[in-house]
Amino acid sequence: MTSDFTLGGLIRKVIAEGIPTKVAADKAYQNAMKRSDRQNARNEHDRALHQRVLVELADHHGAVQAVQRQCRVQKWLADTVFSVMYNPLVT
């Protein structure tokens, strides 16, 4: 059984390493950053982030349920990853 400490460490690693890389590689998000405004980029980011969270944490169903139940956690996750990733000048 996974302890909270281990699960917390795993979640931090996925957020810090896995999710930003995969969201940044999303073609629709890249296209929106290059060719659209901030709001459209944010919409594509949030879509890609949602998909990636489901993929990366599929094996950790309890963690996914906790994030989905807590709107504050969802907002924090979306704001944090978008802030790190949004750069419309990237070519």
C-alpha atoms as a PDB file:
ATOM      1  CA  MET A   1       0.000   0.000   0.000  1.00  0.00           C
ATOM      2  CA  THR A   2       1.263   3.475  -0.875  1.00  0.00           C
ATOM      3  CA  SER A   3       1.762   5.824   2.052  1.00  0.00           C
ATOM      4  CA  ASP A   4       0.661   9.451   1.867  1.00  0.00           C
ATOM      5  CA  PHE A   5       4.313  10.530   1.941  1.00  0.00           C
ATOM      6  CA  THR A   6       5.205   8.332  -1.004  1.00  0.00           C
ATOM      7  CA  LEU A   7       2.077   9.328  -2.914  1.00  0.00           C
ATOM      8  CA  GLY A   8       2.793  12.992  -2.194  1.00  0.00           C
ATOM      9  CA  GLY A   9       6.329  12.606  -3.493  1.00  0.00           C
ATOM     10  CA  LEU A  10       5.071  10.856  -6.596  1.00  0.00           C
ATOM     11  CA  ILE A  11       2.513  13.582  -7.252  1.00  0.00           C
ATOM     12  CA  ARG A  12       5.151  16.295  -6.821  1.00  0.00           C
ATOM     13  CA  LYS A  13       7.463  14.484  -9.243  1.00  0.00           C
ATOM     14  CA  VAL A  14       4.709  14.052 -11.829  1.00  0.00           C
ATOM     15  CA  ILE A  15       3.726  17.725 -11.494  1.00  0.00           C
ATOM     16  CA  ALA A  16       7.304  19.016 -11.574  1.00  0.00           C
ATOM     17  CA  GLU A  17       8.672  16.749 -14.302  1.00  0.00           C
ATOM     18  CA  GLY A  18       6.049  14.812 -16.203  1.00  0.00           C
ATOM     19  CA  ILE A  19       3.089  17.094 -16.691  1.00  0.00           C
ATOM     20  CA  PRO A  20       4.819  20.326 -17.808  1.00  0.00           C
ATOM     21  CA  THR A  21       6.890  18.476 -20.403  1.00  0.00           C
ATOM     22  CA  LYS A  22       3.889  16.699 -21.881  1.00  0.00           C
ATOM     23  CA  VAL A  23       1.672  19.816 -21.828  1.00  0.00           C
ATOM     24  CA  ALA A  24       4.426  21.820 -23.536  1.00  0.00           C
ATOM     25  CA  ALA A  25       4.635  19.169 -26.255  1.00  0.00           C
ATOM     26  CA  ASP A  26       0.897  19.300 -26.981  1.00  0.00           C
ATOM     27  CA  LYS A  27       0.533  20.485 -30.604  1.00  0.00           C
ATOM     28  CA  ALA A  28      -2.743  22.373 -30.091  1.00  0.00           C
ATOM     29  CA  TYR A  29      -1.273  24.229 -27.102  1.00  0.00           C
ATOM     30  CA  GLN A  30       1.907  25.086 -29.043  1.00  0.00           C
ATOM     31  CA  ASN A  31      -0.176  26.342 -31.943  1.00  0.00           C
ATOM     32  CA  ALA A  32      -2.376  28.477 -29.661  1.00  0.00           C
ATOM     33  CA  MET A  33       0.688  30.028 -28.006  1.00  0.00           C
ATOM     34  CA  LYS A  34       2.189  30.912 -31.380  1.00  0.00           C
ATOM     35  CA  ARG A  35      -0.912  31.984 -33.276  1.00  0.00           C
ATOM     36  CA  SER A  36      -3.566  33.035 -30.807  1.00  0.00           C
ATOM     37  CA  ASP A  37      -4.182  35.193 -27.762  1.00  0.00           C
ATOM     38  CA  ARG A  38      -3.532  34.418 -24.125  1.00  0.00           C
ATOM     39  CA  GLN A  39      -7.094  33.213 -23.447  1.00  0.00           C
ATOM     40  CA  ASN A  40      -7.062  30.683 -26.283  1.00  0.00           C
ATOM     41  CA  ALA A  41      -3.625  29.518 -25.186  1.00  0.00           C
ATOM     42  CA  ARG A  42      -4.986  29.108 -21.669  1.00  0.00           C
ATOM     43  CA  ASN A  43      -7.962  27.103 -22.956  1.00  0.00           C
ATOM     44  CA  GLU A  44      -5.676  24.762 -24.906  1.00  0.00           C
ATOM     45  CA  HIS A  45      -3.317  24.524 -21.942  1.00  0.00           C
ATOM     46  CA  ASP A  46      -6.146  23.584 -19.594  1.00  0.00           C
ATOM     47  CA  ARG A  47      -7.428  20.958 -22.054  1.00  0.00           C
ATOM     48  CA  ALA A  48      -3.952  19.449 -22.476  1.00  0.00           C
ATOM     49  CA  LEU A  49      -3.362  19.593 -18.725  1.00  0.00           C
ATOM     50  CA  HIS A  50      -6.634  17.817 -17.975  1.00  0.00           C
ATOM     51  CA  GLN A  51      -5.787  15.058 -20.459  1.00  0.00           C
ATOM     52  CA  ARG A  52      -2.258  14.711 -19.106  1.00  0.00           C
ATOM     53  CA  VAL A  53      -3.379  14.526 -15.483  1.00  0.00           C
ATOM     54  CA  LEU A  54      -5.696  11.673 -16.372  1.00  0.00           C
ATOM     55  CA  VAL A  55      -2.940   9.853 -18.256  1.00  0.00           C
ATOM     56  CA  GLU A  56      -0.128  10.431 -15.741  1.00  0.00           C
ATOM     57  CA  LEU A  57      -2.187   9.555 -12.684  1.00  0.00           C
ATOM     58  CA  ALA A  58      -4.360   6.794 -14.135  1.00  0.00           C
ATOM     59  CA  ASP A  59      -2.666   4.265 -11.886  1.00  0.00           C
ATOM     60  CA  HIS A  60      -3.329   6.422  -8.837  1.00  0.00           C
ATOM     61  CA  HIS A  61      -7.098   6.568  -8.878  1.00  0.00           C
ATOM     62  CA  GLY A  62      -7.374   7.852  -5.303  1.00  0.00           C
ATOM     63  CA  ALA A  63      -5.176  10.855  -6.054  1.00  0.00           C
ATOM     64  CA  VAL A  64      -7.163  11.672  -9.193  1.00  0.00           C
ATOM     65  CA  GLN A  65     -10.411  11.528  -7.232  1.00  0.00           C
ATOM     66  CA  ALA A  66      -9.012  13.857  -4.569  1.00  0.00           C
ATOM     67  CA  VAL A  67      -7.957  16.425  -7.180  1.00  0.00           C
ATOM     68  CA  GLN A  68     -11.310  16.231  -8.943  1.00  0.00           C
ATOM     69  CA  ARG A  69     -13.218  16.715  -5.668  1.00  0.00           C
ATOM     70  CA  GLN A  70     -11.216  19.735  -4.644  1.00  0.00           C
ATOM     71  CA  CYS A  71     -11.791  22.717  -6.927  1.00  0.00           C
ATOM     72  CA  ARG A  72      -9.021  24.664  -5.165  1.00  0.00           C
ATOM     73  CA  VAL A  73      -6.525  21.945  -6.042  1.00  0.00           C
ATOM     74  CA  GLN A  74      -7.675  21.910  -9.672  1.00  0.00           C
ATOM     75  CA  LYS A  75      -7.357  25.697  -9.919  1.00  0.00           C
ATOM     76  CA  TRP A  76      -3.944  25.688  -8.238  1.00  0.00           C
ATOM     77  CA  LEU A  77      -2.687  22.940 -10.537  1.00  0.00           C
ATOM     78  CA  ALA A  78      -3.965  24.690 -13.664  1.00  0.00           C
ATOM     79  CA  ASP A  79      -2.604  28.099 -12.601  1.00  0.00           C
ATOM     80  CA  THR A  80       0.776  26.692 -11.596  1.00  0.00           C
ATOM     81  CA  VAL A  81       1.418  24.669 -14.731  1.00  0.00           C
ATOM     82  CA  PHE A  82       0.110  27.441 -17.031  1.00  0.00           C
ATOM     83  CA  SER A  83       2.321  30.042 -15.333  1.00  0.00           C
ATOM     84  CA  VAL A  84       5.370  27.857 -15.848  1.00  0.00           C
ATOM     85  CA  MET A  85       4.502  26.931 -19.416  1.00  0.00           C
ATOM     86  CA  TYR A  86       2.929  30.032 -21.042  1.00  0.00           C
ATOM     87  CA  ASN A  87       5.388  31.797 -23.290  1.00  0.00           C
ATOM     88  CA  PRO A  88       3.836  33.155 -26.486  1.00  0.00           C
ATOM     89  CA  LEU A  89       7.235  34.104 -27.876  1.00  0.00           C
ATOM     90  CA  VAL A  90       8.434  30.489 -28.098  1.00  0.00           C
ATOM     91  CA  THR A  91       9.027  29.507 -31.693  1.00  0.00           C
END
